[in-house]
Amino acid sequence: MSMETLEFVIYPDGRVREKVTGIVGASCAEVTAAIEAQLGRVVSHEKTAEHYAQNQSFLTAATHQQATWGS
């Protein structure tokens, strides 16, 4: 299991860059929603490879369910 981290870079003009690592799937949006609401208007999002990755336990459960259903 990797460590979940949030990194913020605050630029002199007031822009804030947020980088999230260690969170697999789309759940990073849930983690950052409250922070982004306090920071102000979000101008863009860049999804990382971790966003598109699937949680290993989800894959195991889905594979098991598919095998059971197909039997």
PDB file of N, CA and C in Angstrom:
ATOM      1  N   MET A   1       0.851  -1.180   0.000  1.00  0.00           N
ATOM      2  CA  MET A   1       0.000   0.000   0.000  1.00  0.00           C
ATOM      3  C   MET A   1       0.892   1.237   0.000  1.00  0.00           C
ATOM      4  N   SER A   2       0.591   2.171  -0.887  1.00  0.00           N
ATOM      5  CA  SER A   2       1.396   3.388  -0.959  1.00  0.00           C
ATOM      6  C   SER A   2       0.805   4.478  -0.072  1.00  0.00           C
ATOM      7  N   MET A   3       1.637   5.451   0.235  1.00  0.00           N
ATOM      8  CA  MET A   3       1.198   6.564   1.075  1.00  0.00           C
ATOM      9  C   MET A   3       0.427   7.561   0.222  1.00  0.00           C
ATOM     10  N   GLU A   4      -0.702   8.024   0.763  1.00  0.00           N
ATOM     11  CA  GLU A   4      -1.495   9.041   0.082  1.00  0.00           C
ATOM     12  C   GLU A   4      -0.942  10.403   0.456  1.00  0.00           C
ATOM     13  N   THR A   5      -0.661  11.237  -0.556  1.00  0.00           N
ATOM     14  CA  THR A   5      -0.122  12.568  -0.284  1.00  0.00           C
ATOM     15  C   THR A   5      -0.843  13.621  -1.117  1.00  0.00           C
ATOM     16  N   LEU A   6      -0.943  14.795  -0.540  1.00  0.00           N
ATOM     17  CA  LEU A   6      -1.450  15.977  -1.234  1.00  0.00           C
ATOM     18  C   LEU A   6      -0.351  17.013  -1.169  1.00  0.00           C
ATOM     19  N   GLU A   7       0.021  17.535  -2.318  1.00  0.00           N
ATOM     20  CA  GLU A   7       1.080  18.547  -2.400  1.00  0.00           C
ATOM     21  C   GLU A   7       0.477  19.825  -2.980  1.00  0.00           C
ATOM     22  N   PHE A   8       0.771  20.954  -2.349  1.00  0.00           N
ATOM     23  CA  PHE A   8       0.255  22.238  -2.819  1.00  0.00           C
ATOM     24  C   PHE A   8       1.416  23.170  -3.120  1.00  0.00           C
ATOM     25  N   VAL A   9       1.352  23.809  -4.283  1.00  0.00           N
ATOM     26  CA  VAL A   9       2.312  24.842  -4.655  1.00  0.00           C
ATOM     27  C   VAL A   9       1.502  26.123  -4.791  1.00  0.00           C
ATOM     28  N   ILE A  10       1.870  27.140  -4.022  1.00  0.00           N
ATOM     29  CA  ILE A  10       1.177  28.425  -4.068  1.00  0.00           C
ATOM     30  C   ILE A  10       2.074  29.419  -4.792  1.00  0.00           C
ATOM     31  N   TYR A  11       1.594  29.926  -5.898  1.00  0.00           N
ATOM     32  CA  TYR A  11       2.367  30.850  -6.722  1.00  0.00           C
ATOM     33  C   TYR A  11       2.168  32.291  -6.236  1.00  0.00           C
ATOM     34  N   PRO A  12       3.112  33.182  -6.544  1.00  0.00           N
ATOM     35  CA  PRO A  12       3.010  34.582  -6.118  1.00  0.00           C
ATOM     36  C   PRO A  12       1.726  35.286  -6.578  1.00  0.00           C
ATOM     37  N   ASP A  13       1.163  34.854  -7.715  1.00  0.00           N
ATOM     38  CA  ASP A  13      -0.062  35.489  -8.207  1.00  0.00           C
ATOM     39  C   ASP A  13      -1.335  34.915  -7.574  1.00  0.00           C
ATOM     40  N   GLY A  14      -1.175  33.986  -6.629  1.00  0.00           N
ATOM     41  CA  GLY A  14      -2.324  33.435  -5.909  1.00  0.00           C
ATOM     42  C   GLY A  14      -2.823  32.098  -6.425  1.00  0.00           C
ATOM     43  N   ARG A  15      -2.335  31.680  -7.583  1.00  0.00           N
ATOM     44  CA  ARG A  15      -2.729  30.358  -8.085  1.00  0.00           C
ATOM     45  C   ARG A  15      -2.206  29.272  -7.163  1.00  0.00           C
ATOM     46  N   VAL A  16      -2.947  28.183  -7.078  1.00  0.00           N
ATOM     47  CA  VAL A  16      -2.529  27.041  -6.271  1.00  0.00           C
ATOM     48  C   VAL A  16      -2.531  25.809  -7.164  1.00  0.00           C
ATOM     49  N   ARG A  17      -1.443  25.076  -7.143  1.00  0.00           N
ATOM     50  CA  ARG A  17      -1.360  23.805  -7.873  1.00  0.00           C
ATOM     51  C   ARG A  17      -1.429  22.701  -6.840  1.00  0.00           C
ATOM     52  N   GLU A  18      -2.328  21.767  -7.057  1.00  0.00           N
ATOM     53  CA  GLU A  18      -2.526  20.655  -6.127  1.00  0.00           C
ATOM     54  C   GLU A  18      -2.141  19.369  -6.846  1.00  0.00           C
ATOM     55  N   LYS A  19      -1.350  18.527  -6.194  1.00  0.00           N
ATOM     56  CA  LYS A  19      -0.963  17.245  -6.775  1.00  0.00           C
ATOM     57  C   LYS A  19      -1.283  16.149  -5.767  1.00  0.00           C
ATOM     58  N   VAL A  20      -2.041  15.157  -6.206  1.00  0.00           N
ATOM     59  CA  VAL A  20      -2.446  14.055  -5.347  1.00  0.00           C
ATOM     60  C   VAL A  20      -1.752  12.795  -5.831  1.00  0.00           C
ATOM     61  N   THR A  21      -1.135  12.058  -4.924  1.00  0.00           N
ATOM     62  CA  THR A  21      -0.506  10.788  -5.279  1.00  0.00           C
ATOM     63  C   THR A  21      -0.909   9.728  -4.266  1.00  0.00           C
ATOM     64  N   GLY A  22      -0.898   8.490  -4.717  1.00  0.00           N
ATOM     65  CA  GLY A  22      -1.170   7.369  -3.828  1.00  0.00           C
ATOM     66  C   GLY A  22      -2.637   7.007  -3.694  1.00  0.00           C
ATOM     67  N   ILE A  23      -3.506   7.671  -4.431  1.00  0.00           N
ATOM     68  CA  ILE A  23      -4.930   7.350  -4.384  1.00  0.00           C
ATOM     69  C   ILE A  23      -5.309   6.753  -5.733  1.00  0.00           C
ATOM     70  N   VAL A  24      -5.803   5.516  -5.707  1.00  0.00           N
ATOM     71  CA  VAL A  24      -6.130   4.803  -6.931  1.00  0.00           C
ATOM     72  C   VAL A  24      -7.591   5.045  -7.295  1.00  0.00           C
ATOM     73  N   GLY A  25      -7.830   5.315  -8.562  1.00  0.00           N
ATOM     74  CA  GLY A  25      -9.196   5.503  -9.040  1.00  0.00           C
ATOM     75  C   GLY A  25      -9.675   6.936  -8.883  1.00  0.00           C
ATOM     76  N   ALA A  26     -10.966   7.118  -9.055  1.00  0.00           N
ATOM     77  CA  ALA A  26     -11.556   8.454  -9.055  1.00  0.00           C
ATOM     78  C   ALA A  26     -11.811   9.002  -7.656  1.00  0.00           C
ATOM     79  N   SER A  27     -11.490   8.253  -6.614  1.00  0.00           N
ATOM     80  CA  SER A  27     -11.790   8.708  -5.250  1.00  0.00           C
ATOM     81  C   SER A  27     -10.968   9.925  -4.833  1.00  0.00           C
ATOM     82  N   CYS A  28      -9.951  10.287  -5.590  1.00  0.00           N
ATOM     83  CA  CYS A  28      -9.177  11.480  -5.225  1.00  0.00           C
ATOM     84  C   CYS A  28     -10.045  12.722  -5.291  1.00  0.00           C
ATOM     85  N   ALA A  29     -11.067  12.727  -6.145  1.00  0.00           N
ATOM     86  CA  ALA A  29     -11.984  13.868  -6.225  1.00  0.00           C
ATOM     87  C   ALA A  29     -12.733  14.037  -4.909  1.00  0.00           C
ATOM     88  N   GLU A  30     -13.082  12.943  -4.268  1.00  0.00           N
ATOM     89  CA  GLU A  30     -13.749  13.000  -2.966  1.00  0.00           C
ATOM     90  C   GLU A  30     -12.814  13.561  -1.900  1.00  0.00           C
ATOM     91  N   VAL A  31     -11.563  13.166  -1.967  1.00  0.00           N
ATOM     92  CA  VAL A  31     -10.567  13.610  -0.991  1.00  0.00           C
ATOM     93  C   VAL A  31     -10.304  15.110  -1.110  1.00  0.00           C
ATOM     94  N   THR A  32     -10.282  15.618  -2.319  1.00  0.00           N
ATOM     95  CA  THR A  32      -9.890  17.012  -2.547  1.00  0.00           C
ATOM     96  C   THR A  32     -11.049  17.999  -2.653  1.00  0.00           C
ATOM     97  N   ALA A  33     -12.278  17.515  -2.709  1.00  0.00           N
ATOM     98  CA  ALA A  33     -13.435  18.396  -2.942  1.00  0.00           C
ATOM     99  C   ALA A  33     -13.549  19.509  -1.906  1.00  0.00           C
ATOM    100  N   ALA A  34     -13.441  19.199  -0.636  1.00  0.00           N
ATOM    101  CA  ALA A  34     -13.591  20.214   0.411  1.00  0.00           C
ATOM    102  C   ALA A  34     -12.465  21.245   0.350  1.00  0.00           C
ATOM    103  N   ILE A  35     -11.258  20.775   0.064  1.00  0.00           N
ATOM    104  CA  ILE A  35     -10.111  21.692  -0.023  1.00  0.00           C
ATOM    105  C   ILE A  35     -10.296  22.629  -1.214  1.00  0.00           C
ATOM    106  N   GLU A  36     -10.681  22.072  -2.352  1.00  0.00           N
ATOM    107  CA  GLU A  36     -10.870  22.889  -3.551  1.00  0.00           C
ATOM    108  C   GLU A  36     -11.988  23.912  -3.357  1.00  0.00           C
ATOM    109  N   ALA A  37     -13.025  23.543  -2.623  1.00  0.00           N
ATOM    110  CA  ALA A  37     -14.121  24.479  -2.357  1.00  0.00           C
ATOM    111  C   ALA A  37     -13.628  25.678  -1.556  1.00  0.00           C
ATOM    112  N   GLN A  38     -12.677  25.454  -0.652  1.00  0.00           N
ATOM    113  CA  GLN A  38     -12.136  26.541   0.154  1.00  0.00           C
ATOM    114  C   GLN A  38     -11.113  27.381  -0.612  1.00  0.00           C
ATOM    115  N   LEU A  39     -10.413  26.764  -1.554  1.00  0.00           N
ATOM    116  CA  LEU A  39      -9.380  27.474  -2.303  1.00  0.00           C
ATOM    117  C   LEU A  39      -9.962  28.428  -3.335  1.00  0.00           C
ATOM    118  N   GLY A  40     -11.110  28.092  -3.905  1.00  0.00           N
ATOM    119  CA  GLY A  40     -11.703  28.956  -4.928  1.00  0.00           C
ATOM    120  C   GLY A  40     -11.970  28.223  -6.216  1.00  0.00           C
ATOM    121  N   ARG A  41     -12.006  28.961  -7.287  1.00  0.00           N
ATOM    122  CA  ARG A  41     -12.357  28.419  -8.605  1.00  0.00           C
ATOM    123  C   ARG A  41     -11.274  27.472  -9.128  1.00  0.00           C
ATOM    124  N   VAL A  42     -11.692  26.303  -9.575  1.00  0.00           N
ATOM    125  CA  VAL A  42     -10.776  25.335 -10.192  1.00  0.00           C
ATOM    126  C   VAL A  42     -10.788  25.591 -11.687  1.00  0.00           C
ATOM    127  N   VAL A  43      -9.601  25.826 -12.259  1.00  0.00           N
ATOM    128  CA  VAL A  43      -9.525  26.121 -13.685  1.00  0.00           C
ATOM    129  C   VAL A  43      -9.236  24.892 -14.530  1.00  0.00           C
ATOM    130  N   SER A  44      -8.599  23.890 -13.961  1.00  0.00           N
ATOM    131  CA  SER A  44      -8.344  22.677 -14.738  1.00  0.00           C
ATOM    132  C   SER A  44      -8.020  21.508 -13.813  1.00  0.00           C
ATOM    133  N   HIS A  45      -8.199  20.329 -14.368  1.00  0.00           N
ATOM    134  CA  HIS A  45      -7.820  19.079 -13.702  1.00  0.00           C
ATOM    135  C   HIS A  45      -6.983  18.276 -14.688  1.00  0.00           C
ATOM    136  N   GLU A  46      -5.945  17.621 -14.200  1.00  0.00           N
ATOM    137  CA  GLU A  46      -5.161  16.680 -15.005  1.00  0.00           C
ATOM    138  C   GLU A  46      -5.224  15.347 -14.307  1.00  0.00           C
ATOM    139  N   LYS A  47      -5.742  14.337 -14.972  1.00  0.00           N
ATOM    140  CA  LYS A  47      -5.832  13.012 -14.378  1.00  0.00           C
ATOM    141  C   LYS A  47      -4.519  12.269 -14.603  1.00  0.00           C
ATOM    142  N   THR A  48      -4.068  11.574 -13.561  1.00  0.00           N
ATOM    143  CA  THR A  48      -2.822  10.806 -13.645  1.00  0.00           C
ATOM    144  C   THR A  48      -3.134   9.351 -13.974  1.00  0.00           C
ATOM    145  N   ALA A  49      -2.113   8.565 -14.166  1.00  0.00           N
ATOM    146  CA  ALA A  49      -2.285   7.140 -14.419  1.00  0.00           C
ATOM    147  C   ALA A  49      -2.985   6.475 -13.233  1.00  0.00           C
ATOM    148  N   GLU A  50      -2.737   6.977 -12.012  1.00  0.00           N
ATOM    149  CA  GLU A  50      -3.394   6.410 -10.830  1.00  0.00           C
ATOM    150  C   GLU A  50      -4.910   6.571 -10.903  1.00  0.00           C
ATOM    151  N   HIS A  51      -5.374   7.642 -11.520  1.00  0.00           N
ATOM    152  CA  HIS A  51      -6.815   7.848 -11.662  1.00  0.00           C
ATOM    153  C   HIS A  51      -7.444   6.726 -12.490  1.00  0.00           C
ATOM    154  N   TYR A  52      -6.750   6.310 -13.536  1.00  0.00           N
ATOM    155  CA  TYR A  52      -7.283   5.298 -14.439  1.00  0.00           C
ATOM    156  C   TYR A  52      -7.016   3.875 -13.955  1.00  0.00           C
ATOM    157  N   ALA A  53      -6.151   3.716 -12.974  1.00  0.00           N
ATOM    158  CA  ALA A  53      -5.861   2.391 -12.427  1.00  0.00           C
ATOM    159  C   ALA A  53      -7.054   1.920 -11.607  1.00  0.00           C
ATOM    160  N   GLN A  54      -7.183   0.624 -11.479  1.00  0.00           N
ATOM    161  CA  GLN A  54      -8.255   0.069 -10.662  1.00  0.00           C
ATOM    162  C   GLN A  54      -7.650  -0.534  -9.413  1.00  0.00           C
ATOM    163  N   ASN A  55      -8.376  -0.410  -8.326  1.00  0.00           N
ATOM    164  CA  ASN A  55      -7.946  -0.953  -7.048  1.00  0.00           C
ATOM    165  C   ASN A  55      -7.836  -2.474  -7.174  1.00  0.00           C
ATOM    166  N   GLN A  56      -6.745  -3.071  -6.678  1.00  0.00           N
ATOM    167  CA  GLN A  56      -6.507  -4.507  -6.799  1.00  0.00           C
ATOM    168  C   GLN A  56      -7.608  -5.324  -6.136  1.00  0.00           C
ATOM    169  N   SER A  57      -8.121  -4.898  -4.967  1.00  0.00           N
ATOM    170  CA  SER A  57      -9.175  -5.658  -4.293  1.00  0.00           C
ATOM    171  C   SER A  57     -10.460  -5.613  -5.115  1.00  0.00           C
ATOM    172  N   PHE A  58     -10.727  -4.501  -5.810  1.00  0.00           N
ATOM    173  CA  PHE A  58     -11.886  -4.414  -6.687  1.00  0.00           C
ATOM    174  C   PHE A  58     -11.752  -5.419  -7.825  1.00  0.00           C
ATOM    175  N   LEU A  59     -10.568  -5.518  -8.414  1.00  0.00           N
ATOM    176  CA  LEU A  59     -10.353  -6.453  -9.514  1.00  0.00           C
ATOM    177  C   LEU A  59     -10.543  -7.893  -9.061  1.00  0.00           C
ATOM    178  N   THR A  60     -10.057  -8.228  -7.875  1.00  0.00           N
ATOM    179  CA  THR A  60     -10.195  -9.574  -7.347  1.00  0.00           C
ATOM    180  C   THR A  60     -11.669  -9.907  -7.138  1.00  0.00           C
ATOM    181  N   ALA A  61     -12.424  -8.986  -6.549  1.00  0.00           N
ATOM    182  CA  ALA A  61     -13.851  -9.206  -6.306  1.00  0.00           C
ATOM    183  C   ALA A  61     -14.611  -9.343  -7.623  1.00  0.00           C
ATOM    184  N   ALA A  62     -14.290  -8.505  -8.596  1.00  0.00           N
ATOM    185  CA  ALA A  62     -14.969  -8.551  -9.882  1.00  0.00           C
ATOM    186  C   ALA A  62     -14.662  -9.855 -10.609  1.00  0.00           C
ATOM    187  N   THR A  63     -13.430 -10.316 -10.528  1.00  0.00           N
ATOM    188  CA  THR A  63     -13.042 -11.565 -11.166  1.00  0.00           C
ATOM    189  C   THR A  63     -13.771 -12.730 -10.517  1.00  0.00           C
ATOM    190  N   HIS A  64     -13.846 -12.717  -9.191  1.00  0.00           N
ATOM    191  CA  HIS A  64     -14.544 -13.779  -8.457  1.00  0.00           C
ATOM    192  C   HIS A  64     -16.024 -13.781  -8.817  1.00  0.00           C
ATOM    193  N   GLN A  65     -16.635 -12.598  -8.869  1.00  0.00           N
ATOM    194  CA  GLN A  65     -18.054 -12.502  -9.196  1.00  0.00           C
ATOM    195  C   GLN A  65     -18.312 -13.008 -10.608  1.00  0.00           C
ATOM    196  N   GLN A  66     -17.438 -12.647 -11.529  1.00  0.00           N
ATOM    197  CA  GLN A  66     -17.602 -13.080 -12.917  1.00  0.00           C
ATOM    198  C   GLN A  66     -17.468 -14.595 -13.010  1.00  0.00           C
ATOM    199  N   ALA A  67     -16.493 -15.177 -12.307  1.00  0.00           N
ATOM    200  CA  ALA A  67     -16.291 -16.625 -12.326  1.00  0.00           C
ATOM    201  C   ALA A  67     -17.494 -17.356 -11.734  1.00  0.00           C
ATOM    202  N   THR A  68     -18.056 -16.814 -10.651  1.00  0.00           N
ATOM    203  CA  THR A  68     -19.201 -17.426  -9.997  1.00  0.00           C
ATOM    204  C   THR A  68     -20.425 -17.347 -10.906  1.00  0.00           C
ATOM    205  N   TRP A  69     -20.635 -16.201 -11.528  1.00  0.00           N
ATOM    206  CA  TRP A  69     -21.800 -16.001 -12.381  1.00  0.00           C
ATOM    207  C   TRP A  69     -21.726 -16.883 -13.625  1.00  0.00           C
ATOM    208  N   GLY A  70     -20.527 -17.059 -14.154  1.00  0.00           N
ATOM    209  CA  GLY A  70     -20.358 -17.860 -15.361  1.00  0.00           C
ATOM    210  C   GLY A  70     -20.440 -19.352 -15.122  1.00  0.00           C
ATOM    211  N   SER A  71     -20.349 -19.792 -13.886  1.00  0.00           N
ATOM    212  CA  SER A  71     -20.373 -21.231 -13.575  1.00  0.00           C
ATOM    213  C   SER A  71     -21.763 -21.815 -13.660  1.00  0.00           C
TER     214      SER A  71
END
